[in-house]
Amino acid sequence: MDPEIKIRFDNLEKKLDLILLLLENDVKPNCNKMSSHIDFIDTVYENVKNPLGFICSKVNYLRSDAGNYSLDDKNDLS
C-alpha cells in the first residue's frame, strides 16, 4: 500500500475513533439526561392537568359572566 494512503487511512481511523468516543461519552449521557427530564415533565403534567383544567374552566366561566355587565340598571327598561 502506498505510504501516503496508509497515513491518510490512519488519520481517518483516528478521527473516527474520536467521533465514537465523543458519541459514547458526551452524547449518550446527555440523551439519557434529556430522557429522564422528559419523563419528569410528563409525570408533573399528568398530576397537574386535571386541577389546572378545573381552574381554567372556572375562570372561563367567570369571565363569560363578567363580560355581560352593563352600566345601566337592568330593571330600568325605558
N, C-alpha and C. Protein backbone atom coordinates (compact mmCIF):
# COMPACT_ATOMS: atom_id res chain seq x y z
N MET A 1 0.84 -1.17 0.00
CA MET A 1 0.00 0.00 0.00
C MET A 1 0.89 1.24 0.00
N ASP A 2 0.42 2.24 -0.70
CA ASP A 2 1.16 3.50 -0.80
C ASP A 2 1.27 4.13 0.59
N PRO A 3 2.45 4.61 0.99
CA PRO A 3 2.64 5.20 2.33
C PRO A 3 1.71 6.40 2.59
N GLU A 4 1.48 7.20 1.57
CA GLU A 4 0.60 8.36 1.76
C GLU A 4 -0.84 7.93 2.05
N ILE A 5 -1.29 6.91 1.35
CA ILE A 5 -2.64 6.38 1.57
C ILE A 5 -2.73 5.77 2.97
N LYS A 6 -1.67 5.09 3.37
CA LYS A 6 -1.64 4.50 4.71
C LYS A 6 -1.75 5.58 5.79
N ILE A 7 -1.04 6.68 5.61
CA ILE A 7 -1.08 7.78 6.58
C ILE A 7 -2.48 8.39 6.62
N ARG A 8 -3.06 8.61 5.45
CA ARG A 8 -4.40 9.19 5.39
C ARG A 8 -5.42 8.25 6.04
N PHE A 9 -5.26 6.97 5.76
CA PHE A 9 -6.15 5.97 6.35
C PHE A 9 -6.04 5.98 7.89
N ASP A 10 -4.83 6.04 8.39
CA ASP A 10 -4.61 6.09 9.84
C ASP A 10 -5.23 7.36 10.46
N ASN A 11 -5.08 8.48 9.76
CA ASN A 11 -5.68 9.73 10.24
C ASN A 11 -7.20 9.64 10.28
N LEU A 12 -7.77 9.06 9.24
CA LEU A 12 -9.23 8.88 9.22
C LEU A 12 -9.69 7.96 10.34
N GLU A 13 -8.92 6.92 10.57
CA GLU A 13 -9.27 5.98 11.63
C GLU A 13 -9.21 6.65 13.01
N LYS A 14 -8.22 7.50 13.22
CA LYS A 14 -8.11 8.25 14.48
C LYS A 14 -9.29 9.20 14.65
N LYS A 15 -9.66 9.88 13.58
CA LYS A 15 -10.81 10.79 13.64
C LYS A 15 -12.10 10.04 13.93
N LEU A 16 -12.24 8.90 13.31
CA LEU A 16 -13.42 8.08 13.54
C LEU A 16 -13.46 7.59 14.99
N ASP A 17 -12.33 7.20 15.53
CA ASP A 17 -12.26 6.79 16.93
C ASP A 17 -12.65 7.94 17.86
N LEU A 18 -12.19 9.14 17.51
CA LEU A 18 -12.53 10.31 18.32
C LEU A 18 -14.03 10.60 18.27
N ILE A 19 -14.62 10.47 17.11
CA ILE A 19 -16.06 10.68 16.97
C ILE A 19 -16.83 9.65 17.80
N LEU A 20 -16.42 8.41 17.72
CA LEU A 20 -17.09 7.37 18.51
C LEU A 20 -16.94 7.62 20.01
N LEU A 21 -15.78 8.06 20.41
CA LEU A 21 -15.54 8.37 21.81
C LEU A 21 -16.46 9.50 22.28
N LEU A 22 -16.58 10.54 21.47
CA LEU A 22 -17.46 11.66 21.81
C LEU A 22 -18.92 11.21 21.88
N LEU A 23 -19.34 10.38 20.95
CA LEU A 23 -20.71 9.89 20.96
C LEU A 23 -21.00 9.07 22.21
N GLU A 24 -20.08 8.23 22.58
CA GLU A 24 -20.30 7.36 23.74
C GLU A 24 -20.21 8.12 25.06
N ASN A 25 -19.33 9.10 25.14
CA ASN A 25 -19.09 9.78 26.42
C ASN A 25 -19.87 11.08 26.60
N ASP A 26 -20.25 11.73 25.53
CA ASP A 26 -20.95 13.01 25.64
C ASP A 26 -22.41 12.93 25.25
N VAL A 27 -22.65 12.43 24.06
CA VAL A 27 -23.99 12.46 23.51
C VAL A 27 -24.92 11.48 24.23
N LYS A 28 -24.47 10.28 24.45
CA LYS A 28 -25.31 9.27 25.07
C LYS A 28 -25.74 9.65 26.49
N PRO A 29 -24.85 10.10 27.37
CA PRO A 29 -25.30 10.52 28.70
C PRO A 29 -26.25 11.73 28.65
N ASN A 30 -25.99 12.65 27.74
CA ASN A 30 -26.88 13.81 27.62
C ASN A 30 -28.26 13.40 27.13
N CYS A 31 -28.31 12.43 26.24
CA CYS A 31 -29.61 11.92 25.78
C CYS A 31 -30.35 11.25 26.94
N ASN A 32 -29.62 10.52 27.77
CA ASN A 32 -30.25 9.89 28.93
C ASN A 32 -30.78 10.94 29.90
N LYS A 33 -30.02 12.03 30.10
CA LYS A 33 -30.49 13.11 30.97
C LYS A 33 -31.76 13.73 30.41
N MET A 34 -31.78 13.97 29.11
CA MET A 34 -32.95 14.57 28.48
C MET A 34 -34.15 13.64 28.59
N SER A 35 -33.92 12.36 28.43
CA SER A 35 -34.99 11.39 28.54
C SER A 35 -35.59 11.40 29.95
N SER A 36 -34.74 11.46 30.96
CA SER A 36 -35.26 11.49 32.33
C SER A 36 -35.98 12.82 32.60
N HIS A 37 -35.53 13.90 31.99
CA HIS A 37 -36.21 15.19 32.15
C HIS A 37 -37.59 15.14 31.50
N ILE A 38 -37.68 14.55 30.33
CA ILE A 38 -38.97 14.42 29.65
C ILE A 38 -39.92 13.57 30.47
N ASP A 39 -39.43 12.49 31.04
CA ASP A 39 -40.26 11.64 31.91
C ASP A 39 -40.77 12.43 33.11
N PHE A 40 -39.91 13.25 33.70
CA PHE A 40 -40.30 14.09 34.84
C PHE A 40 -41.41 15.06 34.44
N ILE A 41 -41.25 15.73 33.31
CA ILE A 41 -42.25 16.69 32.84
C ILE A 41 -43.58 15.99 32.57
N ASP A 42 -43.53 14.81 31.96
CA ASP A 42 -44.76 14.06 31.71
C ASP A 42 -45.47 13.71 33.01
N THR A 43 -44.71 13.30 34.01
CA THR A 43 -45.30 12.95 35.31
C THR A 43 -45.93 14.17 35.97
N VAL A 44 -45.24 15.29 35.94
CA VAL A 44 -45.79 16.53 36.52
C VAL A 44 -47.05 16.93 35.78
N TYR A 45 -47.04 16.86 34.46
CA TYR A 45 -48.20 17.24 33.67
C TYR A 45 -49.39 16.34 34.00
N GLU A 46 -49.16 15.05 34.12
CA GLU A 46 -50.25 14.13 34.45
C GLU A 46 -50.87 14.46 35.80
N ASN A 47 -50.06 14.93 36.76
CA ASN A 47 -50.57 15.26 38.09
C ASN A 47 -51.24 16.63 38.14
N VAL A 48 -50.91 17.51 37.21
CA VAL A 48 -51.39 18.89 37.27
C VAL A 48 -52.53 19.16 36.29
N LYS A 49 -52.66 18.36 35.24
CA LYS A 49 -53.59 18.73 34.17
C LYS A 49 -55.05 18.77 34.62
N ASN A 50 -55.51 17.87 35.47
CA ASN A 50 -56.91 17.90 35.88
C ASN A 50 -57.22 19.09 36.79
N PRO A 51 -56.44 19.36 37.84
CA PRO A 51 -56.73 20.56 38.63
C PRO A 51 -56.58 21.84 37.81
N LEU A 52 -55.62 21.90 36.93
CA LEU A 52 -55.43 23.08 36.10
C LEU A 52 -56.60 23.25 35.13
N GLY A 53 -57.08 22.16 34.58
CA GLY A 53 -58.25 22.22 33.70
C GLY A 53 -59.48 22.70 34.45
N PHE A 54 -59.65 22.24 35.68
CA PHE A 54 -60.78 22.68 36.50
C PHE A 54 -60.70 24.19 36.75
N ILE A 55 -59.53 24.67 37.12
CA ILE A 55 -59.35 26.10 37.39
C ILE A 55 -59.59 26.91 36.11
N CYS A 56 -59.06 26.45 35.01
CA CYS A 56 -59.25 27.18 33.75
C CYS A 56 -60.73 27.23 33.35
N SER A 57 -61.44 26.15 33.52
CA SER A 57 -62.87 26.16 33.16
C SER A 57 -63.65 27.09 34.08
N LYS A 58 -63.29 27.14 35.36
CA LYS A 58 -63.97 28.06 36.28
C LYS A 58 -63.67 29.51 35.93
N VAL A 59 -62.42 29.79 35.62
CA VAL A 59 -62.05 31.16 35.23
C VAL A 59 -62.77 31.55 33.95
N ASN A 60 -62.82 30.67 32.98
CA ASN A 60 -63.53 30.98 31.74
C ASN A 60 -65.01 31.18 31.99
N TYR A 61 -65.59 30.39 32.88
CA TYR A 61 -67.00 30.56 33.23
C TYR A 61 -67.23 31.94 33.86
N LEU A 62 -66.36 32.31 34.78
CA LEU A 62 -66.50 33.62 35.43
C LEU A 62 -66.24 34.75 34.44
N ARG A 63 -65.32 34.57 33.54
CA ARG A 63 -65.04 35.60 32.54
C ARG A 63 -66.22 35.80 31.61
N SER A 64 -66.90 34.73 31.24
CA SER A 64 -68.04 34.88 30.32
C SER A 64 -69.17 35.62 31.00
N ASP A 65 -69.39 35.40 32.30
CA ASP A 65 -70.41 36.15 33.04
C ASP A 65 -69.97 37.59 33.23
N ALA A 66 -68.70 37.80 33.47
CA ALA A 66 -68.18 39.15 33.70
C ALA A 66 -68.25 39.97 32.43
N GLY A 67 -68.24 39.33 31.26
CA GLY A 67 -68.28 40.06 30.01
C GLY A 67 -69.66 40.60 29.67
N ASN A 68 -70.70 40.18 30.41
CA ASN A 68 -72.07 40.60 30.12
C ASN A 68 -72.55 41.69 31.06
N TYR A 69 -71.69 42.48 31.61
CA TYR A 69 -72.10 43.52 32.54
C TYR A 69 -72.53 44.77 31.77
N SER A 70 -73.28 45.58 32.46
CA SER A 70 -73.74 46.82 31.86
C SER A 70 -73.71 47.90 32.93
N LEU A 71 -73.50 49.14 32.51
CA LEU A 71 -73.51 50.26 33.45
C LEU A 71 -74.93 50.69 33.77
N ASP A 72 -75.88 50.33 32.93
CA ASP A 72 -77.29 50.69 33.15
C ASP A 72 -77.94 49.70 34.10
N ASP A 73 -78.95 50.17 34.80
CA ASP A 73 -79.71 49.31 35.70
C ASP A 73 -80.54 48.36 34.84
N LYS A 74 -80.49 47.07 35.12
CA LYS A 74 -81.21 46.08 34.33
C LYS A 74 -82.72 46.21 34.51
N ASN A 75 -83.16 46.76 35.64
CA ASN A 75 -84.61 46.92 35.87
C ASN A 75 -85.18 48.12 35.13
N ASP A 76 -84.34 49.04 34.73
CA ASP A 76 -84.77 50.25 34.04
C ASP A 76 -84.82 49.94 32.55
N LEU A 77 -86.02 49.69 32.00
CA LEU A 77 -86.18 49.33 30.60
C LEU A 77 -86.59 50.53 29.75
N SER A 78 -86.58 51.74 30.26
CA SER A 78 -87.04 52.89 29.49
C SER A 78 -86.04 53.41 28.53
